[in-house]
Amino acid sequence: MVTILKERFRSFEDGKSVVVAELAVDVKTDLPVPDGISGRVLSQGTLAWEITTGELYGLGSDGKWVNQTTGDVYDPAGEE
């Protein structure tokens, strides 16, 4: 499950709001693709907290999440 803790509007793209957000997810596999949250496109710099492990992830401009402790990359689109 994904919970939006905070978001900041940046612009519109194809009728969706482009936002920088702070998210909470239960597990890493809950991390969304950039357009995976209804009505929004997540921008580079979005952060996500994985509650089960306490790990923090940052969204890169390539749409992949980077673990901020280990540097491991997670691609929610399945193309690691």
PDB file of N, CA and C in Angstrom:
ATOM      1  N   MET A   1       0.833  -1.175   0.000  1.00  0.00           N
ATOM      2  CA  MET A   1       0.000   0.000   0.000  1.00  0.00           C
ATOM      3  C   MET A   1       0.883   1.246   0.000  1.00  0.00           C
ATOM      4  N   VAL A   2       0.459   2.258  -0.728  1.00  0.00           N
ATOM      5  CA  VAL A   2       1.178   3.526  -0.796  1.00  0.00           C
ATOM      6  C   VAL A   2       0.339   4.603  -0.119  1.00  0.00           C
ATOM      7  N   THR A   3       0.967   5.372   0.748  1.00  0.00           N
ATOM      8  CA  THR A   3       0.310   6.516   1.381  1.00  0.00           C
ATOM      9  C   THR A   3       1.103   7.768   1.042  1.00  0.00           C
ATOM     10  N   ILE A   4       0.411   8.786   0.572  1.00  0.00           N
ATOM     11  CA  ILE A   4       1.056  10.070   0.305  1.00  0.00           C
ATOM     12  C   ILE A   4       1.086  10.852   1.608  1.00  0.00           C
ATOM     13  N   LEU A   5       2.282  11.124   2.111  1.00  0.00           N
ATOM     14  CA  LEU A   5       2.424  11.876   3.349  1.00  0.00           C
ATOM     15  C   LEU A   5       2.411  13.378   3.085  1.00  0.00           C
ATOM     16  N   LYS A   6       2.997  13.754   1.934  1.00  0.00           N
ATOM     17  CA  LYS A   6       3.113  15.164   1.587  1.00  0.00           C
ATOM     18  C   LYS A   6       3.384  15.242   0.087  1.00  0.00           C
ATOM     19  N   GLU A   7       2.902  16.292  -0.555  1.00  0.00           N
ATOM     20  CA  GLU A   7       3.223  16.488  -1.967  1.00  0.00           C
ATOM     21  C   GLU A   7       3.284  17.969  -2.275  1.00  0.00           C
ATOM     22  N   ARG A   8       4.106  18.294  -3.275  1.00  0.00           N
ATOM     23  CA  ARG A   8       4.234  19.678  -3.719  1.00  0.00           C
ATOM     24  C   ARG A   8       4.035  19.707  -5.231  1.00  0.00           C
ATOM     25  N   PHE A   9       3.089  20.506  -5.672  1.00  0.00           N
ATOM     26  CA  PHE A   9       2.763  20.631  -7.085  1.00  0.00           C
ATOM     27  C   PHE A   9       3.900  21.314  -7.827  1.00  0.00           C
ATOM     28  N   ARG A  10       4.233  20.789  -9.033  1.00  0.00           N
ATOM     29  CA  ARG A  10       5.260  21.406  -9.870  1.00  0.00           C
ATOM     30  C   ARG A  10       4.690  21.930 -11.173  1.00  0.00           C
ATOM     31  N   SER A  11       3.835  21.126 -11.839  1.00  0.00           N
ATOM     32  CA  SER A  11       3.286  21.515 -13.135  1.00  0.00           C
ATOM     33  C   SER A  11       2.191  20.530 -13.537  1.00  0.00           C
ATOM     34  N   PHE A  12       1.662  20.722 -14.754  1.00  0.00           N
ATOM     35  CA  PHE A  12       0.721  19.767 -15.332  1.00  0.00           C
ATOM     36  C   PHE A  12       1.383  19.071 -16.510  1.00  0.00           C
ATOM     37  N   GLU A  13       1.057  17.795 -16.705  1.00  0.00           N
ATOM     38  CA  GLU A  13       1.555  17.015 -17.839  1.00  0.00           C
ATOM     39  C   GLU A  13       0.449  16.064 -18.275  1.00  0.00           C
ATOM     40  N   ASP A  14      -0.056  16.244 -19.484  1.00  0.00           N
ATOM     41  CA  ASP A  14      -1.120  15.381 -20.015  1.00  0.00           C
ATOM     42  C   ASP A  14      -2.313  15.272 -19.070  1.00  0.00           C
ATOM     43  N   GLY A  15      -2.707  16.395 -18.488  1.00  0.00           N
ATOM     44  CA  GLY A  15      -3.876  16.423 -17.615  1.00  0.00           C
ATOM     45  C   GLY A  15      -3.639  15.893 -16.214  1.00  0.00           C
ATOM     46  N   LYS A  16      -2.397  15.555 -15.885  1.00  0.00           N
ATOM     47  CA  LYS A  16      -2.068  15.076 -14.541  1.00  0.00           C
ATOM     48  C   LYS A  16      -1.160  16.074 -13.852  1.00  0.00           C
ATOM     49  N   SER A  17      -1.239  16.121 -12.528  1.00  0.00           N
ATOM     50  CA  SER A  17      -0.361  16.966 -11.733  1.00  0.00           C
ATOM     51  C   SER A  17       1.007  16.306 -11.600  1.00  0.00           C
ATOM     52  N   VAL A  18       2.053  17.046 -11.881  1.00  0.00           N
ATOM     53  CA  VAL A  18       3.419  16.572 -11.638  1.00  0.00           C
ATOM     54  C   VAL A  18       3.794  17.061 -10.243  1.00  0.00           C
ATOM     55  N   VAL A  19       4.170  16.124  -9.362  1.00  0.00           N
ATOM     56  CA  VAL A  19       4.427  16.467  -7.969  1.00  0.00           C
ATOM     57  C   VAL A  19       5.738  15.856  -7.486  1.00  0.00           C
ATOM     58  N   VAL A  20       6.328  16.514  -6.504  1.00  0.00           N
ATOM     59  CA  VAL A  20       7.388  15.928  -5.704  1.00  0.00           C
ATOM     60  C   VAL A  20       6.698  15.523  -4.415  1.00  0.00           C
ATOM     61  N   ALA A  21       6.852  14.252  -4.028  1.00  0.00           N
ATOM     62  CA  ALA A  21       6.072  13.749  -2.899  1.00  0.00           C
ATOM     63  C   ALA A  21       6.950  13.043  -1.879  1.00  0.00           C
ATOM     64  N   GLU A  22       6.375  12.893  -0.705  1.00  0.00           N
ATOM     65  CA  GLU A  22       6.925  12.035   0.332  1.00  0.00           C
ATOM     66  C   GLU A  22       5.903  10.931   0.525  1.00  0.00           C
ATOM     67  N   LEU A  23       6.352   9.687   0.373  1.00  0.00           N
ATOM     68  CA  LEU A  23       5.461   8.542   0.430  1.00  0.00           C
ATOM     69  C   LEU A  23       5.860   7.598   1.552  1.00  0.00           C
ATOM     70  N   ALA A  24       4.914   6.772   1.967  1.00  0.00           N
ATOM     71  CA  ALA A  24       5.178   5.651   2.863  1.00  0.00           C
ATOM     72  C   ALA A  24       4.652   4.407   2.176  1.00  0.00           C
ATOM     73  N   VAL A  25       5.464   3.350   2.150  1.00  0.00           N
ATOM     74  CA  VAL A  25       5.038   2.077   1.575  1.00  0.00           C
ATOM     75  C   VAL A  25       5.291   0.975   2.602  1.00  0.00           C
ATOM     76  N   ASP A  26       4.483  -0.084   2.528  1.00  0.00           N
ATOM     77  CA  ASP A  26       4.695  -1.202   3.445  1.00  0.00           C
ATOM     78  C   ASP A  26       5.984  -1.942   3.117  1.00  0.00           C
ATOM     79  N   VAL A  27       6.160  -2.277   1.833  1.00  0.00           N
ATOM     80  CA  VAL A  27       7.346  -2.995   1.375  1.00  0.00           C
ATOM     81  C   VAL A  27       7.835  -2.383   0.065  1.00  0.00           C
ATOM     82  N   LYS A  28       9.081  -2.655  -0.265  1.00  0.00           N
ATOM     83  CA  LYS A  28       9.707  -2.082  -1.460  1.00  0.00           C
ATOM     84  C   LYS A  28       8.888  -2.333  -2.722  1.00  0.00           C
ATOM     85  N   THR A  29       8.275  -3.479  -2.838  1.00  0.00           N
ATOM     86  CA  THR A  29       7.519  -3.803  -4.045  1.00  0.00           C
ATOM     87  C   THR A  29       6.263  -2.951  -4.196  1.00  0.00           C
ATOM     88  N   ASP A  30       5.919  -2.180  -3.175  1.00  0.00           N
ATOM     89  CA  ASP A  30       4.797  -1.236  -3.272  1.00  0.00           C
ATOM     90  C   ASP A  30       5.216   0.095  -3.906  1.00  0.00           C
ATOM     91  N   LEU A  31       6.513   0.307  -4.113  1.00  0.00           N
ATOM     92  CA  LEU A  31       6.977   1.565  -4.721  1.00  0.00           C
ATOM     93  C   LEU A  31       6.361   1.699  -6.114  1.00  0.00           C
ATOM     94  N   PRO A  32       5.742   2.847  -6.403  1.00  0.00           N
ATOM     95  CA  PRO A  32       5.045   3.000  -7.683  1.00  0.00           C
ATOM     96  C   PRO A  32       5.958   3.441  -8.826  1.00  0.00           C
ATOM     97  N   VAL A  33       5.504   3.162 -10.052  1.00  0.00           N
ATOM     98  CA  VAL A  33       6.129   3.774 -11.224  1.00  0.00           C
ATOM     99  C   VAL A  33       5.751   5.253 -11.185  1.00  0.00           C
ATOM    100  N   PRO A  34       6.481   6.127 -11.893  1.00  0.00           N
ATOM    101  CA  PRO A  34       6.209   7.562 -11.797  1.00  0.00           C
ATOM    102  C   PRO A  34       4.750   7.976 -12.053  1.00  0.00           C
ATOM    103  N   ASP A  35       4.037   7.253 -12.929  1.00  0.00           N
ATOM    104  CA  ASP A  35       2.637   7.620 -13.168  1.00  0.00           C
ATOM    105  C   ASP A  35       1.673   6.612 -12.536  1.00  0.00           C
ATOM    106  N   GLY A  36       2.132   5.937 -11.492  1.00  0.00           N
ATOM    107  CA  GLY A  36       1.357   4.876 -10.866  1.00  0.00           C
ATOM    108  C   GLY A  36       0.386   5.305  -9.787  1.00  0.00           C
ATOM    109  N   ILE A  37       0.308   6.590  -9.509  1.00  0.00           N
ATOM    110  CA  ILE A  37      -0.666   7.082  -8.529  1.00  0.00           C
ATOM    111  C   ILE A  37      -1.689   7.915  -9.285  1.00  0.00           C
ATOM    112  N   SER A  38      -2.926   7.554  -9.161  1.00  0.00           N
ATOM    113  CA  SER A  38      -4.010   8.170  -9.921  1.00  0.00           C
ATOM    114  C   SER A  38      -3.962   9.698  -9.895  1.00  0.00           C
ATOM    115  N   GLY A  39      -3.958  10.289 -11.107  1.00  0.00           N
ATOM    116  CA  GLY A  39      -4.013  11.737 -11.240  1.00  0.00           C
ATOM    117  C   GLY A  39      -2.705  12.461 -11.031  1.00  0.00           C
ATOM    118  N   ARG A  40      -1.623  11.703 -10.804  1.00  0.00           N
ATOM    119  CA  ARG A  40      -0.331  12.319 -10.508  1.00  0.00           C
ATOM    120  C   ARG A  40       0.797  11.678 -11.302  1.00  0.00           C
ATOM    121  N   VAL A  41       1.834  12.459 -11.536  1.00  0.00           N
ATOM    122  CA  VAL A  41       3.098  11.951 -12.050  1.00  0.00           C
ATOM    123  C   VAL A  41       4.150  12.340 -11.021  1.00  0.00           C
ATOM    124  N   LEU A  42       4.861  11.345 -10.497  1.00  0.00           N
ATOM    125  CA  LEU A  42       5.884  11.620  -9.494  1.00  0.00           C
ATOM    126  C   LEU A  42       7.143  12.137 -10.170  1.00  0.00           C
ATOM    127  N   SER A  43       7.685  13.204  -9.627  1.00  0.00           N
ATOM    128  CA  SER A  43       8.871  13.841 -10.177  1.00  0.00           C
ATOM    129  C   SER A  43      10.130  13.340  -9.469  1.00  0.00           C
ATOM    130  N   GLN A  44      11.252  13.523 -10.154  1.00  0.00           N
ATOM    131  CA  GLN A  44      12.559  13.214  -9.571  1.00  0.00           C
ATOM    132  C   GLN A  44      12.671  13.905  -8.217  1.00  0.00           C
ATOM    133  N   GLY A  45      13.233  13.207  -7.247  1.00  0.00           N
ATOM    134  CA  GLY A  45      13.384  13.776  -5.911  1.00  0.00           C
ATOM    135  C   GLY A  45      12.306  13.338  -4.953  1.00  0.00           C
ATOM    136  N   THR A  46      11.301  12.618  -5.460  1.00  0.00           N
ATOM    137  CA  THR A  46      10.283  12.062  -4.579  1.00  0.00           C
ATOM    138  C   THR A  46      10.951  11.047  -3.652  1.00  0.00           C
ATOM    139  N   LEU A  47      10.564  11.050  -2.394  1.00  0.00           N
ATOM    140  CA  LEU A  47      11.134  10.144  -1.402  1.00  0.00           C
ATOM    141  C   LEU A  47      10.071   9.170  -0.914  1.00  0.00           C
ATOM    142  N   ALA A  48      10.505   7.968  -0.576  1.00  0.00           N
ATOM    143  CA  ALA A  48       9.585   6.962  -0.040  1.00  0.00           C
ATOM    144  C   ALA A  48      10.244   6.246   1.126  1.00  0.00           C
ATOM    145  N   TRP A  49       9.474   6.057   2.171  1.00  0.00           N
ATOM    146  CA  TRP A  49       9.921   5.367   3.376  1.00  0.00           C
ATOM    147  C   TRP A  49       9.315   3.970   3.367  1.00  0.00           C
ATOM    148  N   GLU A  50      10.155   2.943   3.389  1.00  0.00           N
ATOM    149  CA  GLU A  50       9.682   1.559   3.481  1.00  0.00           C
ATOM    150  C   GLU A  50       9.524   1.225   4.959  1.00  0.00           C
ATOM    151  N   ILE A  51       8.296   1.132   5.391  1.00  0.00           N
ATOM    152  CA  ILE A  51       8.004   1.012   6.815  1.00  0.00           C
ATOM    153  C   ILE A  51       8.561  -0.272   7.423  1.00  0.00           C
ATOM    154  N   THR A  52       8.485  -1.404   6.713  1.00  0.00           N
ATOM    155  CA  THR A  52       8.910  -2.677   7.296  1.00  0.00           C
ATOM    156  C   THR A  52      10.399  -2.741   7.603  1.00  0.00           C
ATOM    157  N   THR A  53      11.220  -1.998   6.861  1.00  0.00           N
ATOM    158  CA  THR A  53      12.668  -2.043   7.085  1.00  0.00           C
ATOM    159  C   THR A  53      13.248  -0.723   7.572  1.00  0.00           C
ATOM    160  N   GLY A  54      12.497   0.361   7.404  1.00  0.00           N
ATOM    161  CA  GLY A  54      13.006   1.684   7.756  1.00  0.00           C
ATOM    162  C   GLY A  54      13.863   2.307   6.672  1.00  0.00           C
ATOM    163  N   GLU A  55      14.007   1.633   5.534  1.00  0.00           N
ATOM    164  CA  GLU A  55      14.836   2.144   4.441  1.00  0.00           C
ATOM    165  C   GLU A  55      14.168   3.333   3.747  1.00  0.00           C
ATOM    166  N   LEU A  56      14.989   4.216   3.213  1.00  0.00           N
ATOM    167  CA  LEU A  56      14.525   5.397   2.487  1.00  0.00           C
ATOM    168  C   LEU A  56      14.943   5.261   1.029  1.00  0.00           C
ATOM    169  N   TYR A  57      14.016   5.547   0.123  1.00  0.00           N
ATOM    170  CA  TYR A  57      14.265   5.467  -1.316  1.00  0.00           C
ATOM    171  C   TYR A  57      14.038   6.824  -1.954  1.00  0.00           C
ATOM    172  N   GLY A  58      14.831   7.134  -2.974  1.00  0.00           N
ATOM    173  CA  GLY A  58      14.667   8.348  -3.757  1.00  0.00           C
ATOM    174  C   GLY A  58      14.386   7.988  -5.207  1.00  0.00           C
ATOM    175  N   LEU A  59      13.499   8.742  -5.848  1.00  0.00           N
ATOM    176  CA  LEU A  59      13.139   8.495  -7.238  1.00  0.00           C
ATOM    177  C   LEU A  59      14.065   9.282  -8.160  1.00  0.00           C
ATOM    178  N   GLY A  60      14.710   8.573  -9.082  1.00  0.00           N
ATOM    179  CA  GLY A  60      15.590   9.210 -10.051  1.00  0.00           C
ATOM    180  C   GLY A  60      14.833   9.627 -11.294  1.00  0.00           C
ATOM    181  N   SER A  61      15.475  10.402 -12.144  1.00  0.00           N
ATOM    182  CA  SER A  61      14.841  10.880 -13.372  1.00  0.00           C
ATOM    183  C   SER A  61      14.558   9.743 -14.350  1.00  0.00           C
ATOM    184  N   ASP A  62      15.170   8.576 -14.137  1.00  0.00           N
ATOM    185  CA  ASP A  62      14.934   7.416 -14.995  1.00  0.00           C
ATOM    186  C   ASP A  62      13.745   6.575 -14.544  1.00  0.00           C
ATOM    187  N   GLY A  63      13.043   7.009 -13.475  1.00  0.00           N
ATOM    188  CA  GLY A  63      11.873   6.291 -12.989  1.00  0.00           C
ATOM    189  C   GLY A  63      12.194   5.130 -12.065  1.00  0.00           C
ATOM    190  N   LYS A  64      13.465   5.010 -11.678  1.00  0.00           N
ATOM    191  CA  LYS A  64      13.875   3.940 -10.769  1.00  0.00           C
ATOM    192  C   LYS A  64      14.106   4.508  -9.378  1.00  0.00           C
ATOM    193  N   TRP A  65      13.862   3.664  -8.396  1.00  0.00           N
ATOM    194  CA  TRP A  65      14.051   4.037  -7.001  1.00  0.00           C
ATOM    195  C   TRP A  65      15.433   3.605  -6.541  1.00  0.00           C
ATOM    196  N   VAL A  66      16.117   4.470  -5.790  1.00  0.00           N
ATOM    197  CA  VAL A  66      17.458   4.175  -5.292  1.00  0.00           C
ATOM    198  C   VAL A  66      17.426   4.177  -3.767  1.00  0.00           C
ATOM    199  N   ASN A  67      17.859   3.052  -3.189  1.00  0.00           N
ATOM    200  CA  ASN A  67      17.959   2.953  -1.739  1.00  0.00           C
ATOM    201  C   ASN A  67      19.028   3.940  -1.281  1.00  0.00           C
ATOM    202  N   GLN A  68      18.673   4.822  -0.378  1.00  0.00           N
ATOM    203  CA  GLN A  68      19.580   5.891   0.020  1.00  0.00           C
ATOM    204  C   GLN A  68      20.680   5.445   0.972  1.00  0.00           C
ATOM    205  N   THR A  69      20.596   4.223   1.487  1.00  0.00           N
ATOM    206  CA  THR A  69      21.646   3.688   2.343  1.00  0.00           C
ATOM    207  C   THR A  69      22.623   2.836   1.558  1.00  0.00           C
ATOM    208  N   THR A  70      22.091   1.942   0.721  1.00  0.00           N
ATOM    209  CA  THR A  70      22.935   0.970   0.032  1.00  0.00           C
ATOM    210  C   THR A  70      23.268   1.340  -1.406  1.00  0.00           C
ATOM    211  N   GLY A  71      22.451   2.208  -2.006  1.00  0.00           N
ATOM    212  CA  GLY A  71      22.639   2.553  -3.412  1.00  0.00           C
ATOM    213  C   GLY A  71      22.013   1.555  -4.368  1.00  0.00           C
ATOM    214  N   ASP A  72      21.371   0.500  -3.818  1.00  0.00           N
ATOM    215  CA  ASP A  72      20.698  -0.490  -4.662  1.00  0.00           C
ATOM    216  C   ASP A  72      19.556   0.165  -5.420  1.00  0.00           C
ATOM    217  N   VAL A  73      19.379  -0.247  -6.664  1.00  0.00           N
ATOM    218  CA  VAL A  73      18.336   0.309  -7.528  1.00  0.00           C
ATOM    219  C   VAL A  73      17.168  -0.663  -7.606  1.00  0.00           C
ATOM    220  N   TYR A  74      15.946  -0.128  -7.514  1.00  0.00           N
ATOM    221  CA  TYR A  74      14.741  -0.925  -7.676  1.00  0.00           C
ATOM    222  C   TYR A  74      13.908  -0.293  -8.785  1.00  0.00           C
ATOM    223  N   ASP A  75      13.580  -1.093  -9.786  1.00  0.00           N
ATOM    224  CA  ASP A  75      12.770  -0.630 -10.916  1.00  0.00           C
ATOM    225  C   ASP A  75      11.369  -1.218 -10.772  1.00  0.00           C
ATOM    226  N   PRO A  76      10.373  -0.401 -10.436  1.00  0.00           N
ATOM    227  CA  PRO A  76       9.024  -0.926 -10.254  1.00  0.00           C
ATOM    228  C   PRO A  76       8.389  -1.412 -11.543  1.00  0.00           C
ATOM    229  N   ALA A  77       8.968  -1.033 -12.688  1.00  0.00           N
ATOM    230  CA  ALA A  77       8.467  -1.513 -13.976  1.00  0.00           C
ATOM    231  C   ALA A  77       9.016  -2.909 -14.284  1.00  0.00           C
ATOM    232  N   GLY A  78       9.905  -3.420 -13.434  1.00  0.00           N
ATOM    233  CA  GLY A  78      10.449  -4.766 -13.599  1.00  0.00           C
ATOM    234  C   GLY A  78      11.596  -4.870 -14.569  1.00  0.00           C
ATOM    235  N   GLU A  79      12.203  -3.746 -14.944  1.00  0.00           N
ATOM    236  CA  GLU A  79      13.299  -3.743 -15.919  1.00  0.00           C
ATOM    237  C   GLU A  79      14.597  -3.329 -15.251  1.00  0.00           C
ATOM    238  N   GLU A  80      15.005  -4.068 -14.236  1.00  0.00           N
ATOM    239  CA  GLU A  80      16.240  -3.718 -13.515  1.00  0.00           C
ATOM    240  C   GLU A  80      17.458  -3.975 -14.347  1.00  0.00           C
TER     241      GLU A  80
END
